Each structure stands twice: as structure tokens, then as C-alpha cells.
C-alpha atoms as a PDB file:
ATOM      1  CA  MET A   1     -87.332  77.425  89.767  1.00  0.00           C
ATOM      2  CA  ILE A   2     -85.331  75.725  92.510  1.00  0.00           C
ATOM      3  CA  LYS A   3     -87.083  72.455  91.702  1.00  0.00           C
ATOM      4  CA  ASN A   4     -86.018  72.754  88.056  1.00  0.00           C
ATOM      5  CA  TYR A   5     -82.426  73.432  89.089  1.00  0.00           C
ATOM      6  CA  LEU A   6     -82.416  70.393  91.367  1.00  0.00           C
ATOM      7  CA  LEU A   7     -83.726  68.171  88.566  1.00  0.00           C
ATOM      8  CA  LYS A   8     -81.023  69.507  86.239  1.00  0.00           C
ATOM      9  CA  PHE A   9     -78.303  68.971  88.831  1.00  0.00           C
ATOM     10  CA  SER A  10     -79.535  65.441  89.512  1.00  0.00           C
ATOM     11  CA  SER A  11     -79.400  64.679  85.795  1.00  0.00           C
ATOM     12  CA  ILE A  12     -75.824  65.921  85.570  1.00  0.00           C
ATOM     13  CA  LEU A  13     -74.732  63.949  88.641  1.00  0.00           C
ATOM     14  CA  ALA A  14     -76.337  60.825  87.191  1.00  0.00           C
ATOM     15  CA  GLU A  15     -73.884  60.966  84.299  1.00  0.00           C
ATOM     16  CA  GLY A  16     -71.067  60.136  86.714  1.00  0.00           C
ATOM     17  CA  SER A  17     -67.635  61.574  85.970  1.00  0.00           C
ATOM     18  CA  LYS A  18     -68.551  62.889  82.547  1.00  0.00           C
ATOM     19  CA  CYS A  19     -68.358  66.672  82.514  1.00  0.00           C
ATOM     20  CA  PRO A  20     -71.211  68.358  80.607  1.00  0.00           C
ATOM     21  CA  PRO A  21     -70.076  70.395  77.578  1.00  0.00           C
ATOM     22  CA  VAL A  22     -70.228  74.119  78.396  1.00  0.00           C
ATOM     23  CA  LYS A  23     -69.171  76.854  76.001  1.00  0.00           C
ATOM     24  CA  VAL A  24     -67.160  79.778  77.341  1.00  0.00           C
ATOM     25  CA  SER A  25     -69.230  82.938  77.556  1.00  0.00           C
ATOM     26  CA  LYS A  26     -69.766  86.113  79.565  1.00  0.00           C
ATOM     27  CA  VAL A  27     -71.091  84.071  82.478  1.00  0.00           C
ATOM     28  CA  CYS A  28     -67.536  82.816  83.047  1.00  0.00           C
ATOM     29  CA  THR A  29     -66.628  86.176  84.574  1.00  0.00           C
ATOM     30  CA  GLU A  30     -69.913  87.995  85.216  1.00  0.00           C
ATOM     31  CA  PRO A  31     -70.944  88.945  87.792  1.00  0.00           C
ATOM     32  CA  ASN A  32     -67.963  87.105  89.338  1.00  0.00           C
ATOM     33  CA  THR A  33     -65.335  84.743  87.997  1.00  0.00           C
ATOM     34  CA  CYS A  34     -66.638  81.168  88.003  1.00  0.00           C
ATOM     35  CA  THR A  35     -64.905  78.559  90.177  1.00  0.00           C
ATOM     36  CA  PHE A  36     -64.431  76.408  87.069  1.00  0.00           C
ATOM     37  CA  TYR A  37     -62.960  79.210  84.953  1.00  0.00           C
ATOM     38  CA  ASP A  38     -59.491  77.645  84.687  1.00  0.00           C
ATOM     39  CA  TYR A  39     -60.977  74.285  83.740  1.00  0.00           C
ATOM     40  CA  CYS A  40     -63.272  75.619  81.024  1.00  0.00           C
ATOM     41  CA  TRP A  41     -60.620  77.951  79.573  1.00  0.00           C
ATOM     42  CA  LYS A  42     -57.673  75.547  79.740  1.00  0.00           C
ATOM     43  CA  ASP A  43     -57.743  74.831  76.010  1.00  0.00           C
ATOM     44  CA  MET A  44     -58.190  78.463  74.952  1.00  0.00           C
ATOM     45  CA  PRO A  45     -55.128  80.195  73.442  1.00  0.00           C
ATOM     46  CA  GLU A  46     -53.182  82.709  75.516  1.00  0.00           C
ATOM     47  CA  THR A  47     -54.515  85.600  73.429  1.00  0.00           C
ATOM     48  CA  THR A  48     -58.113  85.743  72.212  1.00  0.00           C
ATOM     49  CA  VAL A  49     -60.345  88.316  70.533  1.00  0.00           C
ATOM     50  CA  LEU A  50     -61.390  89.310  74.059  1.00  0.00           C
ATOM     51  CA  ASP A  51     -57.948  90.918  74.424  1.00  0.00           C
ATOM     52  CA  LEU A  52     -58.734  93.535  71.783  1.00  0.00           C
ATOM     53  CA  SER A  53     -59.168  96.909  73.474  1.00  0.00           C
ATOM     54  CA  ARG A  54     -62.726  98.150  73.929  1.00  0.00           C
ATOM     55  CA  ILE A  55     -64.263  95.216  72.099  1.00  0.00           C
ATOM     56  CA  ASN A  56     -67.892  94.535  72.935  1.00  0.00           C
ATOM     57  CA  LYS A  57     -68.033  91.278  74.903  1.00  0.00           C
ATOM     58  CA  ASN A  58     -71.152  90.066  73.127  1.00  0.00           C
ATOM     59  CA  LYS A  59     -69.415  90.618  69.792  1.00  0.00           C
ATOM     60  CA  ALA A  60     -66.268  88.853  71.007  1.00  0.00           C
ATOM     61  CA  PHE A  61     -68.169  85.799  72.229  1.00  0.00           C
ATOM     62  CA  ASN A  62     -70.181  85.675  68.987  1.00  0.00           C
ATOM     63  CA  LEU A  63     -66.850  85.513  67.146  1.00  0.00           C
ATOM     64  CA  ILE A  64     -65.649  82.742  69.456  1.00  0.00           C
ATOM     65  CA  ASP A  65     -68.906  80.820  68.893  1.00  0.00           C
ATOM     66  CA  ASN A  66     -68.202  81.032  65.167  1.00  0.00           C
ATOM     67  CA  GLY A  67     -64.699  79.645  65.550  1.00  0.00           C
ATOM     68  CA  ILE A  68     -62.867  82.973  65.383  1.00  0.00           C
ATOM     69  CA  ILE A  69     -60.958  82.779  68.633  1.00  0.00           C
ATOM     70  CA  GLU A  70     -57.588  84.471  68.058  1.00  0.00           C
ATOM     71  CA  PRO A  71     -57.072  87.983  66.642  1.00  0.00           C
ATOM     72  CA  GLN A  72     -54.983  86.467  63.823  1.00  0.00           C
ATOM     73  CA  GLN A  73     -58.162  84.853  62.439  1.00  0.00           C
ATOM     74  CA  LEU A  74     -59.956  88.161  61.931  1.00  0.00           C
ATOM     75  CA  THR A  75     -60.564  89.336  58.366  1.00  0.00           C
ATOM     76  CA  LYS A  76     -61.501  92.718  56.924  1.00  0.00           C
ATOM     77  CA  SER A  77     -65.107  91.574  56.625  1.00  0.00           C
ATOM     78  CA  ILE A  78     -65.422  92.042  60.390  1.00  0.00           C
ATOM     79  CA  GLU A  79     -66.055  95.580  61.580  1.00  0.00           C
ATOM     80  CA  LEU A  80     -63.442  96.850  64.034  1.00  0.00           C
ATOM     81  CA  SER A  81     -62.108 100.244  65.062  1.00  0.00           C
ATOM     82  CA  GLU A  82     -58.852 101.624  63.670  1.00  0.00           C
ATOM     83  CA  ASN A  83     -57.042 100.943  66.936  1.00  0.00           C
ATOM     84  CA  GLN A  84     -58.362  97.392  67.064  1.00  0.00           C
ATOM     85  CA  TRP A  85     -57.044  96.747  63.542  1.00  0.00           C
ATOM     86  CA  ILE A  86     -53.640  98.062  64.629  1.00  0.00           C
ATOM     87  CA  GLU A  87     -53.706  95.464  67.407  1.00  0.00           C
ATOM     88  CA  VAL A  88     -54.799  92.706  65.001  1.00  0.00           C
ATOM     89  CA  GLU A  89     -51.917  93.497  62.626  1.00  0.00           C
ATOM     90  CA  ALA A  90     -49.478  93.372  65.543  1.00  0.00           C
ATOM     91  CA  TYR A  91     -50.801  89.945  66.558  1.00  0.00           C
ATOM     92  CA  LYS A  92     -50.568  88.694  62.969  1.00  0.00           C
ATOM     93  CA  THR A  93     -46.942  89.782  62.545  1.00  0.00           C
ATOM     94  CA  GLY A  94     -45.837  89.219  66.127  1.00  0.00           C
ATOM     95  CA  LYS A  95     -44.113  92.613  65.972  1.00  0.00           C
ATOM     96  CA  PRO A  96     -44.945  96.057  67.348  1.00  0.00           C
ATOM     97  CA  ARG A  97     -46.840  98.502  65.146  1.00  0.00           C
ATOM     98  CA  LEU A  98     -45.467 102.040  65.026  1.00  0.00           C
ATOM     99  CA  LYS A  99     -46.647 105.402  63.783  1.00  0.00           C
ATOM    100  CA  LYS A 100     -43.179 106.914  63.691  1.00  0.00           C
ATOM    101  CA  ASP A 101     -44.236 110.410  62.684  1.00  0.00           C
ATOM    102  CA  LYS A 102     -46.750 110.602  65.537  1.00  0.00           C
ATOM    103  CA  LEU A 103     -44.250 109.155  68.004  1.00  0.00           C
ATOM    104  CA  GLN A 104     -41.673 111.706  66.891  1.00  0.00           C
ATOM    105  CA  GLU A 105     -44.135 114.545  67.464  1.00  0.00           C
ATOM    106  CA  PHE A 106     -44.969 113.240  70.920  1.00  0.00           C
ATOM    107  CA  LEU A 107     -41.356 112.690  71.947  1.00  0.00           C
ATOM    108  CA  GLU A 108     -40.592 116.281  71.027  1.00  0.00           C
ATOM    109  CA  THR A 109     -43.191 117.408  73.572  1.00  0.00           C
ATOM    110  CA  LEU A 110     -41.320 115.506  76.307  1.00  0.00           C
ATOM    111  CA  LYS A 111     -38.211 117.693  75.759  1.00  0.00           C
ATOM    112  CA  MET A 112     -35.843 114.995  76.949  1.00  0.00           C
ATOM    113  CA  HIS A 113     -32.917 116.953  75.517  1.00  0.00           C
ATOM    114  CA  ASN A 114     -33.446 119.107  78.620  1.00  0.00           C
ATOM    115  CA  THR A 115     -33.818 118.256  82.297  1.00  0.00           C
ATOM    116  CA  THR A 116     -37.162 116.555  82.970  1.00  0.00           C
ATOM    117  CA  TYR A 117     -39.076 115.453  86.053  1.00  0.00           C
ATOM    118  CA  TRP A 118     -40.889 112.095  86.216  1.00  0.00           C
ATOM    119  CA  MET A 119     -43.528 111.739  88.891  1.00  0.00           C
ATOM    120  CA  ASP A 120     -45.889 109.213  90.476  1.00  0.00           C
ATOM    121  CA  PHE A 121     -48.238 109.392  93.491  1.00  0.00           C
ATOM    122  CA  GLU A 122     -49.611 106.754  95.828  1.00  0.00           C
ATOM    123  CA  SER A 123     -52.831 107.290  97.742  1.00  0.00           C
ATOM    124  CA  TYR A 124     -55.201 105.443 100.050  1.00  0.00           C
ATOM    125  CA  MET A 125     -58.852 105.868 100.995  1.00  0.00           C
ATOM    126  CA  LYS A 126     -61.184 105.000 103.849  1.00  0.00           C
ATOM    127  CA  GLY A 127     -64.951 104.504 103.932  1.00  0.00           C
ATOM    128  CA  ILE A 128     -65.057 106.443 107.197  1.00  0.00           C
ATOM    129  CA  PRO A 129     -63.037 109.688 106.802  1.00  0.00           C
ATOM    130  CA  GLU A 130     -60.051 109.931 109.132  1.00  0.00           C
ATOM    131  CA  TYR A 131     -59.429 113.659 108.864  1.00  0.00           C
ATOM    132  CA  VAL A 132     -61.503 116.825 109.216  1.00  0.00           C
ATOM    133  CA  GLY A 133     -62.658 118.152 105.863  1.00  0.00           C
ATOM    134  CA  THR A 134     -62.312 114.852 103.996  1.00  0.00           C
ATOM    135  CA  ARG A 135     -65.110 112.718 102.565  1.00  0.00           C
ATOM    136  CA  PRO A 136     -65.751 108.962 102.409  1.00  0.00           C
ATOM    137  CA  TYR A 137     -63.425 107.172  99.993  1.00  0.00           C
ATOM    138  CA  GLN A 138     -61.469 110.338  99.182  1.00  0.00           C
ATOM    139  CA  GLN A 139     -58.067 109.599  97.679  1.00  0.00           C
ATOM    140  CA  ILE A 140     -55.530 110.777 100.265  1.00  0.00           C
ATOM    141  CA  CYS A 141     -52.013 111.158  98.866  1.00  0.00           C
ATOM    142  CA  PHE A 142     -49.301 109.855 101.186  1.00  0.00           C
ATOM    143  CA  GLN A 143     -46.318 109.112  98.928  1.00  0.00           C
ATOM    144  CA  PHE A 144     -44.546 110.310  95.821  1.00  0.00           C
ATOM    145  CA  CYS A 145     -41.468 109.476  93.839  1.00  0.00           C
ATOM    146  CA  VAL A 146     -39.875 112.045  91.553  1.00  0.00           C
ATOM    147  CA  ILE A 147     -36.950 111.324  89.283  1.00  0.00           C
ATOM    148  CA  CYS A 148     -35.012 114.274  87.933  1.00  0.00           C
ATOM    149  CA  ARG A 149     -33.499 113.131  84.637  1.00  0.00           C
ATOM    150  CA  GLU A 150     -30.717 115.222  83.144  1.00  0.00           C
ATOM    151  CA  ALA A 151     -30.303 115.545  79.375  1.00  0.00           C
ATOM    152  CA  ASP A 152     -27.376 113.094  79.470  1.00  0.00           C
ATOM    153  CA  GLY A 153     -29.564 110.417  81.086  1.00  0.00           C
ATOM    154  CA  GLU A 154     -28.255 110.813  84.646  1.00  0.00           C
ATOM    155  CA  ILE A 155     -31.030 110.574  87.229  1.00  0.00           C
ATOM    156  CA  ASP A 156     -31.611 111.920  90.727  1.00  0.00           C
ATOM    157  CA  ARG A 157     -34.136 109.978  92.814  1.00  0.00           C
ATOM    158  CA  ARG A 158     -36.335 112.026  95.138  1.00  0.00           C
ATOM    159  CA  GLU A 159     -39.074 110.493  97.279  1.00  0.00           C
ATOM    160  CA  PHE A 160     -41.339 110.966 100.261  1.00  0.00           C
ATOM    161  CA  ILE A 161     -43.696 108.959 102.479  1.00  0.00           C
ATOM    162  CA  ALA A 162     -45.783 110.737 105.118  1.00  0.00           C
ATOM    163  CA  SER A 163     -45.798 109.413 108.669  1.00  0.00           C
ATOM    164  CA  ARG A 164     -48.891 107.314 109.357  1.00  0.00           C
ATOM    165  CA  GLY A 165     -51.244 108.719 111.952  1.00  0.00           C
ATOM    166  CA  GLY A 166     -51.725 112.401 111.219  1.00  0.00           C
ATOM    167  CA  ASP A 167     -53.216 113.886 108.060  1.00  0.00           C
ATOM    168  CA  PRO A 168     -50.518 113.308 105.392  1.00  0.00           C
ATOM    169  CA  ARG A 169     -51.824 115.754 102.787  1.00  0.00           C
ATOM    170  CA  LYS A 170     -50.023 118.966 103.721  1.00  0.00           C
ATOM    171  CA  SER A 171     -46.615 117.383 104.330  1.00  0.00           C
ATOM    172  CA  PHE A 172     -47.019 115.447 101.070  1.00  0.00           C
ATOM    173  CA  LEU A 173     -47.820 118.661  99.198  1.00  0.00           C
ATOM    174  CA  ILE A 174     -45.058 120.806 100.714  1.00  0.00           C
ATOM    175  CA  ASN A 175     -42.407 118.183  99.957  1.00  0.00           C
ATOM    176  CA  LEU A 176     -43.731 117.612  96.427  1.00  0.00           C
ATOM    177  CA  LEU A 177     -43.646 121.316  95.593  1.00  0.00           C
ATOM    178  CA  LYS A 178     -40.092 121.553  96.912  1.00  0.00           C
ATOM    179  CA  GLN A 179     -38.907 118.613  94.782  1.00  0.00           C
ATOM    180  CA  THR A 180     -40.541 119.878  91.560  1.00  0.00           C
ATOM    181  CA  GLU A 181     -39.449 123.523  91.551  1.00  0.00           C
ATOM    182  CA  GLY A 182     -38.545 124.993  88.161  1.00  0.00           C
ATOM    183  CA  ASP A 183     -40.042 125.181  84.687  1.00  0.00           C
ATOM    184  CA  GLU A 184     -39.099 121.745  83.332  1.00  0.00           C
ATOM    185  CA  ASN A 185     -41.650 119.206  82.110  1.00  0.00           C
ATOM    186  CA  ILE A 186     -43.223 116.929  84.718  1.00  0.00           C
ATOM    187  CA  ILE A 187     -43.985 113.585  83.077  1.00  0.00           C
ATOM    188  CA  VAL A 188     -46.581 111.195  84.508  1.00  0.00           C
ATOM    189  CA  TYR A 189     -48.419 108.092  83.337  1.00  0.00           C
ATOM    190  CA  ASN A 190     -52.167 108.737  83.127  1.00  0.00           C
ATOM    191  CA  GLU A 191     -52.301 112.419  84.014  1.00  0.00           C
ATOM    192  CA  LYS A 192     -55.955 112.269  85.074  1.00  0.00           C
ATOM    193  CA  PHE A 193     -54.992 110.762  88.414  1.00  0.00           C
ATOM    194  CA  GLU A 194     -52.182 113.146  89.344  1.00  0.00           C
ATOM    195  CA  ILE A 195     -54.013 116.238  88.097  1.00  0.00           C
ATOM    196  CA  ALA A 196     -57.183 115.292  89.995  1.00  0.00           C
ATOM    197  CA  ARG A 197     -55.214 114.823  93.214  1.00  0.00           C
ATOM    198  CA  LEU A 198     -53.370 118.131  92.755  1.00  0.00           C
ATOM    199  CA  ASN A 199     -56.615 119.997  92.086  1.00  0.00           C
ATOM    200  CA  GLU A 200     -58.107 118.489  95.255  1.00  0.00           C
ATOM    201  CA  LEU A 201     -55.071 119.597  97.235  1.00  0.00           C
ATOM    202  CA  ALA A 202     -55.418 123.113  95.792  1.00  0.00           C
ATOM    203  CA  LYS A 203     -58.958 123.257  97.193  1.00  0.00           C
ATOM    204  CA  ASP A 204     -57.867 121.846 100.553  1.00  0.00           C
ATOM    205  CA  TYR A 205     -54.873 124.217 100.818  1.00  0.00           C
ATOM    206  CA  PRO A 206     -55.691 127.366  98.813  1.00  0.00           C
ATOM    207  CA  GLU A 207     -52.504 129.069 100.005  1.00  0.00           C
ATOM    208  CA  PHE A 208     -50.614 126.748  97.633  1.00  0.00           C
ATOM    209  CA  GLU A 209     -53.041 127.090  94.700  1.00  0.00           C
ATOM    210  CA  GLY A 210     -50.674 129.151  92.510  1.00  0.00           C
ATOM    211  CA  GLU A 211     -47.778 126.746  92.943  1.00  0.00           C
ATOM    212  CA  ILE A 212     -50.026 123.761  92.269  1.00  0.00           C
ATOM    213  CA  GLU A 213     -51.393 125.345  89.082  1.00  0.00           C
ATOM    214  CA  GLN A 214     -47.804 125.895  87.929  1.00  0.00           C
ATOM    215  CA  ARG A 215     -46.999 122.208  88.427  1.00  0.00           C
ATOM    216  CA  VAL A 216     -50.170 121.108  86.608  1.00  0.00           C
ATOM    217  CA  SER A 217     -49.284 123.349  83.639  1.00  0.00           C
ATOM    218  CA  ARG A 218     -45.998 121.451  83.239  1.00  0.00           C
ATOM    219  CA  ILE A 219     -47.480 117.937  83.179  1.00  0.00           C
ATOM    220  CA  VAL A 220     -47.080 115.742  80.072  1.00  0.00           C
ATOM    221  CA  ASP A 221     -48.790 112.337  79.880  1.00  0.00           C
ATOM    222  CA  LEU A 222     -46.636 109.381  78.768  1.00  0.00           C
ATOM    223  CA  LEU A 223     -49.792 107.269  78.421  1.00  0.00           C
ATOM    224  CA  TYR A 224     -50.853 109.278  75.358  1.00  0.00           C
ATOM    225  CA  PRO A 225     -48.920 107.514  72.537  1.00  0.00           C
ATOM    226  CA  PHE A 226     -49.942 104.093  73.833  1.00  0.00           C
ATOM    227  CA  ALA A 227     -53.601 104.985  74.315  1.00  0.00           C
ATOM    228  CA  LYS A 228     -53.612 106.429  70.780  1.00  0.00           C
ATOM    229  CA  ARG A 229     -51.851 103.301  69.463  1.00  0.00           C
ATOM    230  CA  TYR A 230     -48.885 105.222  68.060  1.00  0.00           C
ATOM    231  CA  TYR A 231     -47.082 102.208  69.502  1.00  0.00           C
ATOM    232  CA  TYR A 232     -48.632  98.797  70.053  1.00  0.00           C
ATOM    233  CA  HIS A 233     -46.944  95.533  70.940  1.00  0.00           C
ATOM    234  CA  PRO A 234     -48.743  92.150  71.106  1.00  0.00           C
ATOM    235  CA  MET A 235     -47.483  91.794  74.681  1.00  0.00           C
ATOM    236  CA  MET A 236     -49.780  94.664  75.694  1.00  0.00           C
ATOM    237  CA  LYS A 237     -52.889  92.468  75.153  1.00  0.00           C
ATOM    238  CA  GLY A 238     -55.192  95.392  74.510  1.00  0.00           C
ATOM    239  CA  SER A 239     -54.040  97.407  77.525  1.00  0.00           C
ATOM    240  CA  ALA A 240     -52.069 100.652  77.624  1.00  0.00           C
ATOM    241  CA  SER A 241     -51.362 100.500  81.362  1.00  0.00           C
ATOM    242  CA  LEU A 242     -47.844 101.080  82.623  1.00  0.00           C
ATOM    243  CA  LYS A 243     -47.524  97.473  83.759  1.00  0.00           C
ATOM    244  CA  SER A 244     -48.576  96.235  80.297  1.00  0.00           C
ATOM    245  CA  VAL A 245     -46.239  98.558  78.396  1.00  0.00           C
ATOM    246  CA  LEU A 246     -43.094  98.231  80.535  1.00  0.00           C
ATOM    247  CA  PRO A 247     -42.222  94.604  79.521  1.00  0.00           C
ATOM    248  CA  CYS A 248     -42.216  95.724  75.864  1.00  0.00           C
ATOM    249  CA  PHE A 249     -39.158  97.875  76.576  1.00  0.00           C
ATOM    250  CA  VAL A 250     -37.431  96.389  79.619  1.00  0.00           C
ATOM    251  CA  SER A 251     -36.645  92.758  80.415  1.00  0.00           C
ATOM    252  CA  PRO A 252     -37.934  91.323  83.718  1.00  0.00           C
ATOM    253  CA  GLU A 253     -34.324  90.762  84.765  1.00  0.00           C
ATOM    254  CA  GLU A 254     -33.655  94.499  84.511  1.00  0.00           C
ATOM    255  CA  LEU A 255     -36.874  95.869  86.006  1.00  0.00           C
ATOM    256  CA  SER A 256     -39.944  93.985  87.163  1.00  0.00           C
ATOM    257  CA  TYR A 257     -42.840  94.231  89.590  1.00  0.00           C
ATOM    258  CA  GLY A 258     -42.671  90.485  90.105  1.00  0.00           C
ATOM    259  CA  LYS A 259     -39.605  90.811  92.322  1.00  0.00           C
ATOM    260  CA  LEU A 260     -41.216  93.394  94.615  1.00  0.00           C
ATOM    261  CA  ASP A 261     -42.955  92.753  97.931  1.00  0.00           C
ATOM    262  CA  ILE A 262     -45.540  95.386  96.968  1.00  0.00           C
ATOM    263  CA  LYS A 263     -46.575  94.780  93.363  1.00  0.00           C
ATOM    264  CA  ASP A 264     -49.475  97.149  92.695  1.00  0.00           C
ATOM    265  CA  GLY A 265     -51.348 100.202  93.912  1.00  0.00           C
ATOM    266  CA  THR A 266     -53.905  98.230  95.900  1.00  0.00           C
ATOM    267  CA  MET A 267     -51.150  96.495  97.882  1.00  0.00           C
ATOM    268  CA  ALA A 268     -49.494  99.887  98.479  1.00  0.00           C
ATOM    269  CA  MET A 269     -52.794 101.359  99.667  1.00  0.00           C
ATOM    270  CA  ASN A 270     -53.417  98.494 102.097  1.00  0.00           C
ATOM    271  CA  ALA A 271     -49.830  98.505 103.357  1.00  0.00           C
ATOM    272  CA  TYR A 272     -49.969 102.190 104.272  1.00  0.00           C
ATOM    273  CA  SER A 273     -53.499 102.004 105.645  1.00  0.00           C
ATOM    274  CA  ASN A 274     -52.518  99.193 108.056  1.00  0.00           C
ATOM    275  CA  PHE A 275     -49.012 100.499 108.759  1.00  0.00           C
ATOM    276  CA  ASN A 276     -49.448 101.352 112.457  1.00  0.00           C
ATOM    277  CA  SER A 277     -50.795  97.895 113.296  1.00  0.00           C
ATOM    278  CA  LEU A 278     -47.530  96.268 112.193  1.00  0.00           C
ATOM    279  CA  PRO A 279     -44.600  95.383 114.490  1.00  0.00           C
ATOM    280  CA  LEU A 280     -41.655  97.787 114.207  1.00  0.00           C
ATOM    281  CA  GLU A 281     -39.545  95.414 112.120  1.00  0.00           C
ATOM    282  CA  GLU A 282     -42.389  94.941 109.621  1.00  0.00           C
ATOM    283  CA  GLN A 283     -42.954  98.698 109.487  1.00  0.00           C
ATOM    284  CA  ILE A 284     -39.336  99.170 108.413  1.00  0.00           C
ATOM    285  CA  LEU A 285     -39.664  96.502 105.714  1.00  0.00           C
ATOM    286  CA  THR A 286     -43.024  97.870 104.546  1.00  0.00           C
ATOM    287  CA  ARG A 287     -41.686 101.411 104.275  1.00  0.00           C
ATOM    288  CA  ARG A 288     -38.779 100.132 102.183  1.00  0.00           C
ATOM    289  CA  ALA A 289     -41.167  98.125  99.988  1.00  0.00           C
ATOM    290  CA  LEU A 290     -43.367 101.185  99.419  1.00  0.00           C
ATOM    291  CA  PHE A 291     -40.358 103.231  98.317  1.00  0.00           C
ATOM    292  CA  GLU A 292     -39.254 100.532  95.892  1.00  0.00           C
ATOM    293  CA  TYR A 293     -42.692 100.040  94.355  1.00  0.00           C
ATOM    294  CA  CYS A 294     -43.225 103.734  93.643  1.00  0.00           C
ATOM    295  CA  HIS A 295     -39.673 104.034  92.326  1.00  0.00           C
ATOM    296  CA  VAL A 296     -40.192 101.168  89.859  1.00  0.00           C
ATOM    297  CA  ASP A 297     -43.278 102.968  88.521  1.00  0.00           C
ATOM    298  CA  VAL A 298     -41.287 106.124  87.855  1.00  0.00           C
ATOM    299  CA  LEU A 299     -38.080 104.468  86.645  1.00  0.00           C
ATOM    300  CA  GLY A 300     -40.232 102.347  84.342  1.00  0.00           C
ATOM    301  CA  MET A 301     -41.619 105.511  82.767  1.00  0.00           C
ATOM    302  CA  VAL A 302     -38.110 106.776  82.096  1.00  0.00           C
ATOM    303  CA  LYS A 303     -37.079 103.439  80.541  1.00  0.00           C
ATOM    304  CA  ILE A 304     -40.163 103.401  78.304  1.00  0.00           C
ATOM    305  CA  ALA A 305     -39.500 106.916  77.007  1.00  0.00           C
ATOM    306  CA  GLU A 306     -35.832 106.108  76.402  1.00  0.00           C
ATOM    307  CA  GLY A 307     -36.955 102.988  74.528  1.00  0.00           C
ATOM    308  CA  LEU A 308     -39.222 105.075  72.302  1.00  0.00           C
ATOM    309  CA  LEU A 309     -36.354 107.454  71.577  1.00  0.00           C
ATOM    310  CA  LYS A 310     -34.182 104.555  70.443  1.00  0.00           C
ATOM    311  CA  LEU A 311     -36.965 103.255  68.191  1.00  0.00           C
ATOM    312  CA  ILE A 312     -37.238 106.586  66.439  1.00  0.00           C
ATOM    313  CA  ASN A 313     -33.534 107.282  66.413  1.00  0.00           C
ATOM    314  CA  PRO A 314     -31.485 104.058  66.895  1.00  0.00           C
ATOM    315  CA  LEU A 315     -28.308 106.126  67.190  1.00  0.00           C
ATOM    316  CA  ASN A 316     -29.661 107.922  70.241  1.00  0.00           C
ATOM    317  CA  ASN A 317     -28.296 106.059  73.248  1.00  0.00           C
ATOM    318  CA  LYS A 318     -29.296 108.598  75.875  1.00  0.00           C
END
């Protein structure tokens, strides 16, 4: 086999500077992204059929092989899911697609005419457990941001980062419970993460199980209307993640991850994990950057929900 490869490579090199024609395919990114990815994809449009959510890659590349590259080229003769057709229509019109009745029903569950809490966690994990009773690669919560939003739109920012060194779980939990007391809705983005972490903490600290269950019962997931495609904007490119949805409602000048020193959860995880190895001045800057990153996540959620309210009721400026 190696001999055959060498003969093929020699043949290619013998052609001089002429690059052999290679069609884009799954091998461009599987199992790893090819070194020549940017070169081979340079003439592809910004949005392709690969950006449709949950599309089978083999199907997408078959479409590309047949000259159907952009979602706008798709016709009803091609079998797609309902959500994928919603995305196609958004690409064709260049405008968001709305299911106003469904959005209205969802927004009513948020109860933004009352006080609401908006919450996000940050966690890190280690291959070798650092604390008694933890397992390899367990998600250890070390930070939260909670925004208390009043009915008139006024917000109160509440946040916490555990000191690096000791087990952060109990101090994280005690402070979180204190900052989320009451009966108001607690709104998150992708509830599976926060609920899983809270349930783990309930097992680790059974004395707080009742309070944790009360918090879980109040959680509402802002991801829901985007995952269900009650709202879809071409800018989302098939994703319903917070970072994909936020630019549809807020300009980068107003709120953006691009301006932050810590731009995503992986950077936050690494920053906290390596915190004690940093010089004091860098620790201060890193702590500040962690606060700002988590706050942008939560403030972004508030801005998205307020944007949905204005879509459904343009006269609502709260």
C-alpha cells in the first residue's frame, strides 16, 4: 500500500505546480480537519447545505456533487425535515422565520411581567480527580452569574467565583442558593447542563437536596423556541446555541464575545484550572475576565428574550 501511495505522490509531484482537482467531501474534516481545508473550500459560499441542522453528511455531499451547494437551491423534490425546510425558507428570503403563536405561548411561560432570575454556570474537569468523592472528568462547578430582572427591565447582577485550591462545590452551592431564593422563574440556556450539575450537587450534599429540588422546579429553558425552530434566522447557520442566536438580536457593538479575553467555556475552564500557576497580576485580570464572560452569557439571554417580546409585541419596550 505504501508503494502505491509513493507512486501516486510521485505522479502528482511530476505535474509541477499544477494542483490536482479534488472535490470537497467528508474527508476534509474527518477524522481531523485537513491542512488544505481553506484552500479547497475557498470558492465555496459562506453558507452551504452542510449548515442545515441535523443533515446527514453523506446526503449533503451528494447534493454538493450534484451542484446543489446552497440551501437556496433546494426544491421540494428533496426530502428534508420540517425544521430543515424552515431554515431553507429563511435562507431563501434572507429574513427570520417565526411561529408567532408558539413564541407567544413560550414567552408566557417566562413570566417576564414578574421578577425573573437568569442563570449560567461555569465548570471545569480533570482527568485525575482533585477532591475526595469526585470521579475522573467530573464537571466541577466553580462560578455562576445570576441576573435578577425586575418587571420594568431593571437588572441586578449577582455573581460568584470560588477560590482556586480547595473544593469549590459547597461554597458554589451555598452562594447560588442564597442568590436564587424565592419562587420566581430561573431561566437558563440549555437546561440539561444546569439541571445535571444541580442534581450532582444534591447527591454530593444531601443536606441541601430540598433547596436544590426547589430551584430545579423553577427552571425554564430559553433554548426551547430556537431548538424547536419557533424562531430561525439565517445568521444561526443551523445552530441554536446561545452564541449563534445572540447576534440575531444584539449588535456586536452592544454585546459581543469577540471583545472578551475569555470567549468560550473551554477558555473559562482552562483559565480557572490553571489559575494558581499565574502571577498575581494575571490572576486579577483572569478573575475579571471570568466574571465578564459569564455575565455576557446571562445578559445575552436577557437581551434575546427581550428581543422576542418586541417581535411579538412591537409596542412592548420593556
